[in-house]
Amino acid sequence: MGDTDAGDVSELRSVLPRILQLGNLMNRSGLGERAMKRIGADLDRPGLSIILSLHVAGKAMRVGEIADRMQVAGPHVTRHLHVLERRKLVSGLADPDDRRARLVELTPDGAELADRYVTTLLGWLGDALAGWSPSDRRTFYDLLLRFTDDLAAFLSATAEEE
């Protein structure tokens, strides 16, 4: 079990139910769907994930980059991009570095939808943390970022071993 000692395993065991609960809350609460309903958006999860990937990146990206961020295969993204393009939420353009490749960017309508979604979601998360001190919030944000980065790196490294 790597470098984890018995004390760490015991501490991790004590927080495992909360980690699982958080995953369930994020997946099963319908938070994302509720936010989409609140802003009047009619997108499926993959479509929303594409919009958010582009929004967070703040730039046009290749289909492969979007797929990597979503942790799915490129053809999955391509299918959903066609729908988003028809709805005028994203547009394709030639990649100036490789004329054979295509970049995808948010249209103004897509960017506005992403902004409304993120604002709604962050408002709810902020409300949930309203009773926390600024110091506790900062510590939480810092540790959550660190944990997510470290877990992603670990999972990536162990996936390559298989």
Protein backbone atom coordinates (compact mmCIF):
# COMPACT_ATOMS: atom_id res chain seq x y z
CA MET A 1 0.00 0.00 0.00
CA GLY A 2 2.83 2.38 -0.81
CA ASP A 3 4.24 4.72 1.81
CA THR A 4 1.06 4.93 3.88
CA ASP A 5 1.61 3.84 7.49
CA ALA A 6 -0.98 2.32 9.83
CA GLY A 7 -1.81 5.70 11.43
CA ASP A 8 -2.50 7.26 8.04
CA VAL A 9 -4.69 4.33 7.03
CA SER A 10 -6.72 4.72 10.22
CA GLU A 11 -7.17 8.45 9.60
CA LEU A 12 -8.08 7.85 5.97
CA ARG A 13 -10.55 5.17 7.04
CA SER A 14 -12.24 7.73 9.31
CA VAL A 15 -12.74 10.23 6.43
CA LEU A 16 -13.60 7.67 3.73
CA PRO A 17 -17.33 7.80 4.49
CA ARG A 18 -17.24 11.59 4.02
CA ILE A 19 -15.30 11.32 0.76
CA LEU A 20 -17.90 8.85 -0.52
CA GLN A 21 -20.71 11.07 0.76
CA LEU A 22 -19.23 14.08 -1.06
CA GLY A 23 -19.03 12.09 -4.29
CA ASN A 24 -22.65 11.02 -3.88
CA LEU A 25 -23.75 14.56 -3.08
CA MET A 26 -22.06 15.95 -6.15
CA ASN A 27 -23.31 13.19 -8.46
CA ARG A 28 -26.76 12.37 -7.15
CA SER A 29 -28.02 15.66 -5.77
CA GLY A 30 -28.74 16.88 -9.26
CA LEU A 31 -26.81 20.04 -8.45
CA GLY A 32 -25.65 20.47 -12.03
CA GLU A 33 -29.11 19.77 -13.43
CA ARG A 34 -30.66 22.15 -10.90
CA ALA A 35 -28.25 24.88 -11.95
CA MET A 36 -29.06 24.27 -15.62
CA LYS A 37 -32.76 24.44 -14.86
CA ARG A 38 -32.26 27.65 -12.87
CA ILE A 39 -30.56 29.36 -15.81
CA GLY A 40 -32.96 27.91 -18.37
CA ALA A 41 -30.36 25.80 -20.17
CA ASP A 42 -31.33 22.58 -21.89
CA LEU A 43 -28.09 20.60 -22.19
CA ASP A 44 -27.08 17.06 -21.40
CA ARG A 45 -24.13 16.42 -19.09
CA PRO A 46 -21.57 15.83 -21.85
CA GLY A 47 -22.62 19.03 -23.61
CA LEU A 48 -22.34 20.98 -20.39
CA SER A 49 -18.93 19.39 -19.67
CA ILE A 50 -17.66 20.55 -23.07
CA ILE A 51 -18.96 24.08 -22.49
CA LEU A 52 -17.37 24.17 -19.02
CA SER A 53 -14.06 22.75 -20.28
CA LEU A 54 -13.82 25.53 -22.83
CA HIS A 55 -14.95 28.12 -20.28
CA VAL A 56 -12.40 27.07 -17.67
CA ALA A 57 -9.61 26.91 -20.27
CA GLY A 58 -10.50 30.39 -21.47
CA LYS A 59 -9.31 29.57 -24.97
CA ALA A 60 -10.10 27.51 -28.04
CA MET A 61 -9.00 23.88 -27.78
CA ARG A 62 -8.62 20.85 -29.97
CA VAL A 63 -11.13 18.04 -29.62
CA GLY A 64 -8.44 15.82 -28.09
CA GLU A 65 -7.70 18.41 -25.40
CA ILE A 66 -11.37 18.65 -24.52
CA ALA A 67 -11.61 14.85 -24.40
CA ASP A 68 -8.57 14.66 -22.11
CA ARG A 69 -10.09 17.19 -19.72
CA MET A 70 -13.36 15.26 -19.70
CA GLN A 71 -11.50 11.92 -19.47
CA VAL A 72 -13.41 10.46 -22.43
CA ALA A 73 -12.57 9.39 -25.98
CA GLY A 74 -12.41 11.97 -28.77
CA PRO A 75 -15.34 10.56 -30.79
CA HIS A 76 -17.58 11.02 -27.74
CA VAL A 77 -16.74 14.73 -27.72
CA THR A 78 -17.13 15.06 -31.48
CA ARG A 79 -20.70 13.72 -31.38
CA HIS A 80 -21.69 16.25 -28.76
CA LEU A 81 -19.88 19.09 -30.49
CA HIS A 82 -22.14 18.69 -33.52
CA VAL A 83 -25.18 19.34 -31.32
CA LEU A 84 -23.53 22.31 -29.61
CA GLU A 85 -22.56 23.78 -32.98
CA ARG A 86 -26.12 23.46 -34.29
CA ARG A 87 -27.28 25.28 -31.16
CA LYS A 88 -24.64 27.97 -31.82
CA LEU A 89 -22.96 27.47 -28.44
CA VAL A 90 -19.57 26.52 -29.91
CA SER A 91 -17.89 27.07 -33.24
CA GLY A 92 -15.02 25.42 -35.02
CA LEU A 93 -12.05 27.15 -36.54
CA ALA A 94 -8.83 26.13 -38.23
CA ASP A 95 -5.85 25.57 -35.99
CA PRO A 96 -3.21 28.11 -37.07
CA ASP A 97 -0.46 25.69 -35.94
CA ASP A 98 -1.82 22.70 -37.88
CA ARG A 99 -4.20 23.25 -40.79
CA ARG A 100 -5.38 19.63 -40.56
CA ALA A 101 -6.53 20.14 -36.97
CA ARG A 102 -9.60 21.95 -35.79
CA LEU A 103 -10.06 24.14 -32.75
CA VAL A 104 -13.34 24.59 -30.91
CA GLU A 105 -14.28 27.79 -29.12
CA LEU A 106 -17.28 29.09 -27.24
CA THR A 107 -19.56 31.46 -29.10
CA PRO A 108 -20.80 34.52 -27.22
CA ASP A 109 -24.01 32.58 -26.43
CA GLY A 110 -21.98 29.62 -25.16
CA ALA A 111 -19.77 31.86 -23.02
CA GLU A 112 -22.80 33.63 -21.57
CA LEU A 113 -24.46 30.29 -20.73
CA ALA A 114 -21.26 29.06 -19.05
CA ASP A 115 -20.99 32.30 -17.06
CA ARG A 116 -24.58 32.01 -15.82
CA TYR A 117 -24.10 28.35 -14.90
CA VAL A 118 -20.85 28.93 -13.02
CA THR A 119 -22.26 31.98 -11.23
CA THR A 120 -25.29 29.97 -10.09
CA LEU A 121 -23.24 26.99 -8.95
CA LEU A 122 -20.65 29.11 -7.16
CA GLY A 123 -23.41 31.06 -5.46
CA TRP A 124 -24.83 27.85 -4.00
CA LEU A 125 -21.42 26.56 -2.93
CA GLY A 126 -20.66 29.94 -1.39
CA ASP A 127 -23.95 29.81 0.50
CA ALA A 128 -23.01 26.36 1.84
CA LEU A 129 -19.73 27.82 3.15
CA ALA A 130 -21.25 31.05 4.46
CA GLY A 131 -20.75 30.04 8.10
CA TRP A 132 -17.05 29.31 7.59
CA SER A 133 -14.40 31.83 8.56
CA PRO A 134 -12.30 33.30 5.73
CA SER A 135 -9.32 31.38 7.10
CA ASP A 136 -11.21 28.07 7.09
CA ARG A 137 -12.43 28.68 3.53
CA ARG A 138 -8.89 29.48 2.33
CA THR A 139 -7.50 26.35 4.03
CA PHE A 140 -10.29 24.24 2.51
CA TYR A 141 -9.69 25.62 -0.99
CA ASP A 142 -5.93 25.12 -0.75
CA LEU A 143 -6.18 21.55 0.56
CA LEU A 144 -8.90 20.58 -1.90
CA LEU A 145 -6.79 21.81 -4.82
CA ARG A 146 -3.76 19.96 -3.49
CA PHE A 147 -5.72 16.75 -2.86
CA THR A 148 -7.33 16.80 -6.30
CA ASP A 149 -4.01 17.43 -8.05
CA ASP A 150 -2.23 14.71 -6.05
CA LEU A 151 -5.02 12.18 -6.55
CA ALA A 152 -5.16 12.88 -10.30
CA ALA A 153 -1.38 12.48 -10.58
CA PHE A 154 -1.45 9.25 -8.57
CA LEU A 155 -4.30 7.78 -10.63
CA SER A 156 -2.59 8.76 -13.86
CA ALA A 157 0.68 7.17 -12.78
CA THR A 158 -0.97 3.96 -11.59
CA ALA A 159 -3.10 3.70 -14.75
CA GLU A 160 0.10 3.70 -16.80
CA GLU A 161 1.41 0.76 -14.72
CA GLU A 162 -1.53 -1.47 -15.65
